[in-house]
């Protein structure tokens, strides 16, 4: 038995997905802020995983004003103000 060797599939299965704000096509940035380039735009009705969260540019969005950014994929971040996490604070670990 090998200890401490969780697979990528196991890690992905443990990540919760959250809905993006209704009727919003959400820009995905290459870093935690509006000053980072847009890598893609998520369609209306998307759910996103949050692998970690980090402070960045303060944004006023659908769910209030915050500087929390959600890492949804490798090198991809969205403002937490457009993701319905049910919290005004961090809901997962901070990004390293």
PDB file of N, CA and C in Angstrom:
ATOM      1  N   UNK A   1       0.847  -1.180   0.000  1.00  0.00           N
ATOM      2  CA  UNK A   1       0.000   0.000   0.000  1.00  0.00           C
ATOM      3  C   UNK A   1       0.891   1.241   0.000  1.00  0.00           C
ATOM      4  N   UNK A   2       0.668   2.133  -0.948  1.00  0.00           N
ATOM      5  CA  UNK A   2       1.443   3.357  -1.052  1.00  0.00           C
ATOM      6  C   UNK A   2       0.681   4.469  -0.358  1.00  0.00           C
ATOM      7  N   UNK A   3       1.328   5.129   0.584  1.00  0.00           N
ATOM      8  CA  UNK A   3       0.680   6.204   1.334  1.00  0.00           C
ATOM      9  C   UNK A   3       0.965   7.551   0.676  1.00  0.00           C
ATOM     10  N   UNK A   4      -0.009   8.450   0.709  1.00  0.00           N
ATOM     11  CA  UNK A   4       0.197   9.808   0.250  1.00  0.00           C
ATOM     12  C   UNK A   4       0.298   9.966  -1.259  1.00  0.00           C
ATOM     13  N   UNK A   5      -0.295   9.058  -2.016  1.00  0.00           N
ATOM     14  CA  UNK A   5      -0.203   9.170  -3.473  1.00  0.00           C
ATOM     15  C   UNK A   5      -1.599   9.239  -4.092  1.00  0.00           C
ATOM     16  N   UNK A   6      -2.388  10.216  -3.643  1.00  0.00           N
ATOM     17  CA  UNK A   6      -3.724  10.389  -4.201  1.00  0.00           C
ATOM     18  C   UNK A   6      -3.613  10.747  -5.680  1.00  0.00           C
ATOM     19  N   UNK A   7      -4.476  10.185  -6.467  1.00  0.00           N
ATOM     20  CA  UNK A   7      -4.434  10.456  -7.903  1.00  0.00           C
ATOM     21  C   UNK A   7      -5.077  11.802  -8.216  1.00  0.00           C
ATOM     22  N   UNK A   8      -4.817  12.296  -9.411  1.00  0.00           N
ATOM     23  CA  UNK A   8      -5.430  13.538  -9.868  1.00  0.00           C
ATOM     24  C   UNK A   8      -6.944  13.389  -9.895  1.00  0.00           C
ATOM     25  N   UNK A   9      -7.427  12.223 -10.292  1.00  0.00           N
ATOM     26  CA  UNK A   9      -8.869  11.980 -10.323  1.00  0.00           C
ATOM     27  C   UNK A   9      -9.468  12.094  -8.920  1.00  0.00           C
ATOM     28  N   UNK A  10      -8.762  11.579  -7.909  1.00  0.00           N
ATOM     29  CA  UNK A  10      -9.231  11.691  -6.532  1.00  0.00           C
ATOM     30  C   UNK A  10      -9.313  13.155  -6.107  1.00  0.00           C
ATOM     31  N   UNK A  11      -8.292  13.932  -6.447  1.00  0.00           N
ATOM     32  CA  UNK A  11      -8.274  15.349  -6.088  1.00  0.00           C
ATOM     33  C   UNK A  11      -9.404  16.087  -6.792  1.00  0.00           C
ATOM     34  N   UNK A  12      -9.626  15.803  -8.062  1.00  0.00           N
ATOM     35  CA  UNK A  12     -10.686  16.463  -8.817  1.00  0.00           C
ATOM     36  C   UNK A  12     -12.054  16.104  -8.260  1.00  0.00           C
ATOM     37  N   UNK A  13     -12.221  14.867  -7.831  1.00  0.00           N
ATOM     38  CA  UNK A  13     -13.505  14.421  -7.300  1.00  0.00           C
ATOM     39  C   UNK A  13     -13.842  15.140  -5.997  1.00  0.00           C
ATOM     40  N   UNK A  14     -12.813  15.603  -5.271  1.00  0.00           N
ATOM     41  CA  UNK A  14     -13.021  16.258  -3.996  1.00  0.00           C
ATOM     42  C   UNK A  14     -13.359  17.746  -4.142  1.00  0.00           C
ATOM     43  N   UNK A  15     -13.229  18.302  -5.331  1.00  0.00           N
ATOM     44  CA  UNK A  15     -13.471  19.721  -5.549  1.00  0.00           C
ATOM     45  C   UNK A  15     -14.950  19.971  -5.816  1.00  0.00           C
ATOM     46  N   UNK A  16     -15.514  20.920  -5.089  1.00  0.00           N
ATOM     47  CA  UNK A  16     -16.910  21.305  -5.269  1.00  0.00           C
ATOM     48  C   UNK A  16     -17.012  22.311  -6.412  1.00  0.00           C
ATOM     49  N   UNK A  17     -18.097  22.244  -7.180  1.00  0.00           N
ATOM     50  CA  UNK A  17     -18.335  23.253  -8.209  1.00  0.00           C
ATOM     51  C   UNK A  17     -19.416  24.214  -7.728  1.00  0.00           C
ATOM     52  N   UNK A  18     -19.311  25.444  -8.199  1.00  0.00           N
ATOM     53  CA  UNK A  18     -20.223  26.508  -7.788  1.00  0.00           C
ATOM     54  C   UNK A  18     -20.801  27.190  -9.020  1.00  0.00           C
ATOM     55  N   UNK A  19     -22.054  27.644  -8.950  1.00  0.00           N
ATOM     56  CA  UNK A  19     -22.661  28.308 -10.109  1.00  0.00           C
ATOM     57  C   UNK A  19     -22.161  29.742 -10.273  1.00  0.00           C
ATOM     58  N   UNK A  20     -21.955  30.128 -11.538  1.00  0.00           N
ATOM     59  CA  UNK A  20     -21.662  31.513 -11.874  1.00  0.00           C
ATOM     60  C   UNK A  20     -22.983  32.277 -11.805  1.00  0.00           C
ATOM     61  N   UNK A  21     -22.910  33.564 -11.495  1.00  0.00           N
ATOM     62  CA  UNK A  21     -24.104  34.405 -11.359  1.00  0.00           C
ATOM     63  C   UNK A  21     -25.028  34.255 -12.576  1.00  0.00           C
ATOM     64  N   UNK A  22     -26.337  34.341 -12.347  1.00  0.00           N
ATOM     65  CA  UNK A  22     -27.303  34.171 -13.437  1.00  0.00           C
ATOM     66  C   UNK A  22     -27.103  35.192 -14.557  1.00  0.00           C
ATOM     67  N   UNK A  23     -27.261  34.719 -15.781  1.00  0.00           N
ATOM     68  CA  UNK A  23     -27.201  35.566 -16.980  1.00  0.00           C
ATOM     69  C   UNK A  23     -25.864  36.282 -17.165  1.00  0.00           C
ATOM     70  N   UNK A  24     -24.788  35.717 -16.586  1.00  0.00           N
ATOM     71  CA  UNK A  24     -23.465  36.330 -16.697  1.00  0.00           C
ATOM     72  C   UNK A  24     -22.555  35.464 -17.552  1.00  0.00           C
ATOM     73  N   UNK A  25     -21.933  36.101 -18.549  1.00  0.00           N
ATOM     74  CA  UNK A  25     -20.843  35.481 -19.313  1.00  0.00           C
ATOM     75  C   UNK A  25     -19.570  35.987 -18.649  1.00  0.00           C
ATOM     76  N   UNK A  26     -18.891  35.126 -17.907  1.00  0.00           N
ATOM     77  CA  UNK A  26     -17.809  35.537 -17.017  1.00  0.00           C
ATOM     78  C   UNK A  26     -16.440  35.449 -17.680  1.00  0.00           C
ATOM     79  N   UNK A  27     -15.691  36.564 -17.623  1.00  0.00           N
ATOM     80  CA  UNK A  27     -14.328  36.574 -18.143  1.00  0.00           C
ATOM     81  C   UNK A  27     -13.399  35.823 -17.198  1.00  0.00           C
ATOM     82  N   UNK A  28     -12.547  34.988 -17.777  1.00  0.00           N
ATOM     83  CA  UNK A  28     -11.528  34.250 -17.033  1.00  0.00           C
ATOM     84  C   UNK A  28     -10.197  34.940 -17.306  1.00  0.00           C
ATOM     85  N   UNK A  29      -9.464  35.260 -16.240  1.00  0.00           N
ATOM     86  CA  UNK A  29      -8.191  35.961 -16.352  1.00  0.00           C
ATOM     87  C   UNK A  29      -7.023  35.021 -16.069  1.00  0.00           C
ATOM     88  N   UNK A  30      -5.848  35.396 -16.573  1.00  0.00           N
ATOM     89  CA  UNK A  30      -4.644  34.577 -16.395  1.00  0.00           C
ATOM     90  C   UNK A  30      -4.018  34.749 -15.013  1.00  0.00           C
ATOM     91  N   UNK A  31      -4.550  35.631 -14.203  1.00  0.00           N
ATOM     92  CA  UNK A  31      -4.094  35.844 -12.837  1.00  0.00           C
ATOM     93  C   UNK A  31      -5.216  36.468 -12.022  1.00  0.00           C
ATOM     94  N   UNK A  32      -4.968  36.703 -10.733  1.00  0.00           N
ATOM     95  CA  UNK A  32      -6.025  37.181  -9.828  1.00  0.00           C
ATOM     96  C   UNK A  32      -6.254  38.689  -9.894  1.00  0.00           C
ATOM     97  N   UNK A  33      -6.685  39.157 -11.060  1.00  0.00           N
ATOM     98  CA  UNK A  33      -6.977  40.573 -11.172  1.00  0.00           C
ATOM     99  C   UNK A  33      -7.412  40.972 -12.566  1.00  0.00           C
ATOM    100  N   UNK A  34      -8.050  42.129 -12.633  1.00  0.00           N
ATOM    101  CA  UNK A  34      -8.527  42.629 -13.921  1.00  0.00           C
ATOM    102  C   UNK A  34      -7.381  43.109 -14.806  1.00  0.00           C
ATOM    103  N   UNK A  35      -6.199  43.293 -14.223  1.00  0.00           N
ATOM    104  CA  UNK A  35      -5.030  43.705 -14.996  1.00  0.00           C
ATOM    105  C   UNK A  35      -4.384  42.533 -15.741  1.00  0.00           C
ATOM    106  N   UNK A  36      -4.806  41.313 -15.459  1.00  0.00           N
ATOM    107  CA  UNK A  36      -4.316  40.129 -16.175  1.00  0.00           C
ATOM    108  C   UNK A  36      -5.160  39.921 -17.427  1.00  0.00           C
ATOM    109  N   UNK A  37      -4.570  39.326 -18.436  1.00  0.00           N
ATOM    110  CA  UNK A  37      -5.270  39.088 -19.692  1.00  0.00           C
ATOM    111  C   UNK A  37      -6.452  38.138 -19.537  1.00  0.00           C
ATOM    112  N   UNK A  38      -7.419  38.293 -20.420  1.00  0.00           N
ATOM    113  CA  UNK A  38      -8.587  37.398 -20.455  1.00  0.00           C
ATOM    114  C   UNK A  38      -8.225  36.191 -21.313  1.00  0.00           C
ATOM    115  N   UNK A  39      -8.342  34.990 -20.727  1.00  0.00           N
ATOM    116  CA  UNK A  39      -7.992  33.764 -21.450  1.00  0.00           C
ATOM    117  C   UNK A  39      -9.184  33.163 -22.176  1.00  0.00           C
ATOM    118  N   UNK A  40     -10.386  33.385 -21.628  1.00  0.00           N
ATOM    119  CA  UNK A  40     -11.621  32.887 -22.244  1.00  0.00           C
ATOM    120  C   UNK A  40     -12.802  33.504 -21.510  1.00  0.00           C
ATOM    121  N   UNK A  41     -13.987  33.288 -22.042  1.00  0.00           N
ATOM    122  CA  UNK A  41     -15.217  33.760 -21.408  1.00  0.00           C
ATOM    123  C   UNK A  41     -16.134  32.561 -21.199  1.00  0.00           C
ATOM    124  N   UNK A  42     -16.611  32.395 -19.965  1.00  0.00           N
ATOM    125  CA  UNK A  42     -17.492  31.272 -19.648  1.00  0.00           C
ATOM    126  C   UNK A  42     -18.918  31.581 -20.096  1.00  0.00           C
ATOM    127  N   UNK A  43     -19.615  30.606 -20.656  1.00  0.00           N
ATOM    128  CA  UNK A  43     -21.000  30.835 -21.076  1.00  0.00           C
ATOM    129  C   UNK A  43     -21.954  30.953 -19.886  1.00  0.00           C
ATOM    130  N   UNK A  44     -23.109  31.536 -20.131  1.00  0.00           N
ATOM    131  CA  UNK A  44     -24.168  31.634 -19.124  1.00  0.00           C
ATOM    132  C   UNK A  44     -24.509  30.227 -18.630  1.00  0.00           C
ATOM    133  N   UNK A  45     -24.726  30.093 -17.320  1.00  0.00           N
ATOM    134  CA  UNK A  45     -25.136  28.810 -16.746  1.00  0.00           C
ATOM    135  C   UNK A  45     -23.991  27.899 -16.354  1.00  0.00           C
ATOM    136  N   UNK A  46     -22.771  28.396 -16.402  1.00  0.00           N
ATOM    137  CA  UNK A  46     -21.598  27.580 -16.076  1.00  0.00           C
ATOM    138  C   UNK A  46     -21.456  27.360 -14.576  1.00  0.00           C
ATOM    139  N   UNK A  47     -20.944  26.199 -14.207  1.00  0.00           N
ATOM    140  CA  UNK A  47     -20.512  25.916 -12.844  1.00  0.00           C
ATOM    141  C   UNK A  47     -18.999  25.791 -12.884  1.00  0.00           C
ATOM    142  N   UNK A  48     -18.317  26.297 -11.857  1.00  0.00           N
ATOM    143  CA  UNK A  48     -16.860  26.258 -11.841  1.00  0.00           C
ATOM    144  C   UNK A  48     -16.348  25.561 -10.586  1.00  0.00           C
ATOM    145  N   UNK A  49     -15.234  24.823 -10.722  1.00  0.00           N
ATOM    146  CA  UNK A  49     -14.563  24.294  -9.540  1.00  0.00           C
ATOM    147  C   UNK A  49     -13.713  25.414  -8.940  1.00  0.00           C
ATOM    148  N   UNK A  50     -13.474  25.363  -7.651  1.00  0.00           N
ATOM    149  CA  UNK A  50     -12.537  26.302  -7.029  1.00  0.00           C
ATOM    150  C   UNK A  50     -11.445  25.464  -6.362  1.00  0.00           C
ATOM    151  N   UNK A  51     -10.254  25.496  -6.953  1.00  0.00           N
ATOM    152  CA  UNK A  51      -9.134  24.713  -6.436  1.00  0.00           C
ATOM    153  C   UNK A  51      -8.440  25.425  -5.288  1.00  0.00           C
ATOM    154  N   UNK A  52      -8.399  26.757  -5.350  1.00  0.00           N
ATOM    155  CA  UNK A  52      -7.853  27.571  -4.269  1.00  0.00           C
ATOM    156  C   UNK A  52      -8.307  29.004  -4.519  1.00  0.00           C
ATOM    157  N   UNK A  53      -8.093  29.874  -3.531  1.00  0.00           N
ATOM    158  CA  UNK A  53      -8.493  31.271  -3.652  1.00  0.00           C
ATOM    159  C   UNK A  53      -7.341  32.161  -3.209  1.00  0.00           C
ATOM    160  N   UNK A  54      -7.297  33.376  -3.754  1.00  0.00           N
ATOM    161  CA  UNK A  54      -6.206  34.291  -3.455  1.00  0.00           C
ATOM    162  C   UNK A  54      -6.690  35.730  -3.555  1.00  0.00           C
ATOM    163  N   UNK A  55      -6.075  36.637  -2.803  1.00  0.00           N
ATOM    164  CA  UNK A  55      -6.451  38.042  -2.950  1.00  0.00           C
ATOM    165  C   UNK A  55      -5.909  38.629  -4.247  1.00  0.00           C
ATOM    166  N   UNK A  56      -6.622  39.603  -4.787  1.00  0.00           N
ATOM    167  CA  UNK A  56      -6.214  40.277  -6.017  1.00  0.00           C
ATOM    168  C   UNK A  56      -6.951  41.597  -6.141  1.00  0.00           C
ATOM    169  N   UNK A  57      -7.224  42.009  -7.358  1.00  0.00           N
ATOM    170  CA  UNK A  57      -7.940  43.249  -7.624  1.00  0.00           C
ATOM    171  C   UNK A  57      -9.319  43.222  -6.958  1.00  0.00           C
ATOM    172  N   UNK A  58      -9.705  44.318  -6.321  1.00  0.00           N
ATOM    173  CA  UNK A  58     -11.053  44.425  -5.758  1.00  0.00           C
ATOM    174  C   UNK A  58     -12.041  44.682  -6.892  1.00  0.00           C
ATOM    175  N   UNK A  59     -13.116  43.880  -6.895  1.00  0.00           N
ATOM    176  CA  UNK A  59     -14.133  43.945  -7.940  1.00  0.00           C
ATOM    177  C   UNK A  59     -15.508  44.070  -7.288  1.00  0.00           C
ATOM    178  N   UNK A  60     -16.373  44.893  -7.872  1.00  0.00           N
ATOM    179  CA  UNK A  60     -17.782  44.939  -7.481  1.00  0.00           C
ATOM    180  C   UNK A  60     -18.542  44.144  -8.529  1.00  0.00           C
ATOM    181  N   UNK A  61     -19.188  43.066  -8.085  1.00  0.00           N
ATOM    182  CA  UNK A  61     -19.883  42.179  -9.009  1.00  0.00           C
ATOM    183  C   UNK A  61     -21.266  41.824  -8.525  1.00  0.00           C
ATOM    184  N   UNK A  62     -21.812  40.781  -9.089  1.00  0.00           N
ATOM    185  CA  UNK A  62     -23.179  40.347  -8.820  1.00  0.00           C
ATOM    186  C   UNK A  62     -23.413  40.063  -7.335  1.00  0.00           C
ATOM    187  N   UNK A  63     -22.407  39.463  -6.671  1.00  0.00           N
ATOM    188  CA  UNK A  63     -22.553  39.075  -5.264  1.00  0.00           C
ATOM    189  C   UNK A  63     -21.802  40.002  -4.313  1.00  0.00           C
ATOM    190  N   UNK A  64     -21.634  41.277  -4.679  1.00  0.00           N
ATOM    191  CA  UNK A  64     -21.011  42.233  -3.776  1.00  0.00           C
ATOM    192  C   UNK A  64     -19.632  42.680  -4.247  1.00  0.00           C
ATOM    193  N   UNK A  65     -18.847  43.188  -3.309  1.00  0.00           N
ATOM    194  CA  UNK A  65     -17.504  43.696  -3.594  1.00  0.00           C
ATOM    195  C   UNK A  65     -16.495  42.876  -2.806  1.00  0.00           C
ATOM    196  N   UNK A  66     -15.439  42.443  -3.483  1.00  0.00           N
ATOM    197  CA  UNK A  66     -14.438  41.589  -2.834  1.00  0.00           C
ATOM    198  C   UNK A  66     -13.131  41.635  -3.616  1.00  0.00           C
ATOM    199  N   UNK A  67     -12.042  41.276  -2.932  1.00  0.00           N
ATOM    200  CA  UNK A  67     -10.751  41.120  -3.603  1.00  0.00           C
ATOM    201  C   UNK A  67     -10.370  39.644  -3.729  1.00  0.00           C
ATOM    202  N   UNK A  68     -11.318  38.745  -3.452  1.00  0.00           N
ATOM    203  CA  UNK A  68     -11.052  37.305  -3.536  1.00  0.00           C
ATOM    204  C   UNK A  68     -11.209  36.840  -4.988  1.00  0.00           C
ATOM    205  N   UNK A  69     -10.214  36.098  -5.451  1.00  0.00           N
ATOM    206  CA  UNK A  69     -10.235  35.504  -6.791  1.00  0.00           C
ATOM    207  C   UNK A  69     -10.162  33.995  -6.665  1.00  0.00           C
ATOM    208  N   UNK A  70     -10.954  33.307  -7.489  1.00  0.00           N
ATOM    209  CA  UNK A  70     -11.045  31.846  -7.468  1.00  0.00           C
ATOM    210  C   UNK A  70     -10.201  31.248  -8.587  1.00  0.00           C
ATOM    211  N   UNK A  71      -9.334  30.305  -8.229  1.00  0.00           N
ATOM    212  CA  UNK A  71      -8.551  29.578  -9.229  1.00  0.00           C
ATOM    213  C   UNK A  71      -9.416  28.422  -9.724  1.00  0.00           C
ATOM    214  N   UNK A  72      -9.830  28.483 -11.002  1.00  0.00           N
ATOM    215  CA  UNK A  72     -10.749  27.483 -11.551  1.00  0.00           C
ATOM    216  C   UNK A  72     -10.051  26.468 -12.455  1.00  0.00           C
ATOM    217  N   UNK A  73      -8.791  26.721 -12.767  1.00  0.00           N
ATOM    218  CA  UNK A  73      -7.986  25.813 -13.583  1.00  0.00           C
ATOM    219  C   UNK A  73      -6.556  26.334 -13.528  1.00  0.00           C
ATOM    220  N   UNK A  74      -5.641  25.594 -14.073  1.00  0.00           N
ATOM    221  CA  UNK A  74      -4.246  26.003 -14.051  1.00  0.00           C
ATOM    222  C   UNK A  74      -4.080  27.351 -14.757  1.00  0.00           C
ATOM    223  N   UNK A  75      -3.699  28.399 -14.006  1.00  0.00           N
ATOM    224  CA  UNK A  75      -3.509  29.714 -14.593  1.00  0.00           C
ATOM    225  C   UNK A  75      -4.787  30.421 -14.989  1.00  0.00           C
ATOM    226  N   UNK A  76      -5.926  30.042 -14.408  1.00  0.00           N
ATOM    227  CA  UNK A  76      -7.212  30.675 -14.736  1.00  0.00           C
ATOM    228  C   UNK A  76      -7.943  31.091 -13.460  1.00  0.00           C
ATOM    229  N   UNK A  77      -8.307  32.373 -13.421  1.00  0.00           N
ATOM    230  CA  UNK A  77      -8.947  32.949 -12.243  1.00  0.00           C
ATOM    231  C   UNK A  77     -10.189  33.734 -12.627  1.00  0.00           C
ATOM    232  N   UNK A  78     -11.187  33.692 -11.728  1.00  0.00           N
ATOM    233  CA  UNK A  78     -12.387  34.524 -11.876  1.00  0.00           C
ATOM    234  C   UNK A  78     -12.635  35.239 -10.554  1.00  0.00           C
ATOM    235  N   UNK A  79     -13.255  36.405 -10.641  1.00  0.00           N
ATOM    236  CA  UNK A  79     -13.601  37.139  -9.433  1.00  0.00           C
ATOM    237  C   UNK A  79     -14.670  36.371  -8.658  1.00  0.00           C
ATOM    238  N   UNK A  80     -14.446  36.230  -7.361  1.00  0.00           N
ATOM    239  CA  UNK A  80     -15.400  35.524  -6.502  1.00  0.00           C
ATOM    240  C   UNK A  80     -16.739  36.252  -6.427  1.00  0.00           C
ATOM    241  N   UNK A  81     -16.767  37.521  -6.813  1.00  0.00           N
ATOM    242  CA  UNK A  81     -18.015  38.295  -6.760  1.00  0.00           C
ATOM    243  C   UNK A  81     -19.028  37.844  -7.809  1.00  0.00           C
ATOM    244  N   UNK A  82     -18.612  36.962  -8.705  1.00  0.00           N
ATOM    245  CA  UNK A  82     -19.521  36.426  -9.722  1.00  0.00           C
ATOM    246  C   UNK A  82     -19.775  34.933  -9.550  1.00  0.00           C
ATOM    247  N   UNK A  83     -19.323  34.367  -8.425  1.00  0.00           N
ATOM    248  CA  UNK A  83     -19.491  32.932  -8.167  1.00  0.00           C
ATOM    249  C   UNK A  83     -20.288  32.776  -6.875  1.00  0.00           C
ATOM    250  N   UNK A  84     -21.362  32.005  -6.935  1.00  0.00           N
ATOM    251  CA  UNK A  84     -22.224  31.823  -5.759  1.00  0.00           C
ATOM    252  C   UNK A  84     -21.657  30.729  -4.860  1.00  0.00           C
ATOM    253  N   UNK A  85     -20.837  31.156  -3.885  1.00  0.00           N
ATOM    254  CA  UNK A  85     -20.237  30.201  -2.943  1.00  0.00           C
ATOM    255  C   UNK A  85     -21.032  30.118  -1.648  1.00  0.00           C
ATOM    256  N   UNK A  86     -21.944  31.073  -1.437  1.00  0.00           N
ATOM    257  CA  UNK A  86     -22.710  31.098  -0.195  1.00  0.00           C
ATOM    258  C   UNK A  86     -21.958  31.776   0.939  1.00  0.00           C
ATOM    259  N   UNK A  87     -20.825  32.417   0.617  1.00  0.00           N
ATOM    260  CA  UNK A  87     -20.002  33.061   1.636  1.00  0.00           C
ATOM    261  C   UNK A  87     -19.380  34.334   1.081  1.00  0.00           C
ATOM    262  N   UNK A  88     -19.149  35.305   1.958  1.00  0.00           N
ATOM    263  CA  UNK A  88     -18.431  36.514   1.569  1.00  0.00           C
ATOM    264  C   UNK A  88     -16.928  36.351   1.770  1.00  0.00           C
ATOM    265  N   UNK A  89     -16.527  35.219   2.338  1.00  0.00           N
ATOM    266  CA  UNK A  89     -15.114  34.973   2.615  1.00  0.00           C
ATOM    267  C   UNK A  89     -14.581  33.789   1.813  1.00  0.00           C
ATOM    268  N   UNK A  90     -13.434  33.321   2.256  1.00  0.00           N
ATOM    269  CA  UNK A  90     -12.788  32.177   1.610  1.00  0.00           C
ATOM    270  C   UNK A  90     -13.569  30.894   1.909  1.00  0.00           C
ATOM    271  N   UNK A  91     -13.727  30.044   0.894  1.00  0.00           N
ATOM    272  CA  UNK A  91     -14.430  28.773   1.070  1.00  0.00           C
ATOM    273  C   UNK A  91     -13.504  27.577   0.870  1.00  0.00           C
ATOM    274  N   UNK A  92     -12.247  27.846   0.528  1.00  0.00           N
ATOM    275  CA  UNK A  92     -11.261  26.787   0.353  1.00  0.00           C
ATOM    276  C   UNK A  92      -9.886  27.353   0.672  1.00  0.00           C
ATOM    277  N   UNK A  93      -8.862  26.544   0.508  1.00  0.00           N
ATOM    278  CA  UNK A  93      -7.506  26.972   0.841  1.00  0.00           C
ATOM    279  C   UNK A  93      -7.044  28.133  -0.016  1.00  0.00           C
ATOM    280  N   UNK A  94      -6.126  28.911   0.534  1.00  0.00           N
ATOM    281  CA  UNK A  94      -5.479  29.968  -0.241  1.00  0.00           C
ATOM    282  C   UNK A  94      -4.476  29.338  -1.200  1.00  0.00           C
ATOM    283  N   UNK A  95      -4.334  29.960  -2.372  1.00  0.00           N
ATOM    284  CA  UNK A  95      -3.376  29.455  -3.362  1.00  0.00           C
ATOM    285  C   UNK A  95      -1.958  29.672  -2.835  1.00  0.00           C
ATOM    286  N   UNK A  96      -1.094  28.723  -3.147  1.00  0.00           N
ATOM    287  CA  UNK A  96       0.302  28.815  -2.691  1.00  0.00           C
ATOM    288  C   UNK A  96       1.082  29.806  -3.519  1.00  0.00           C
TER     289      UNK A  96
END
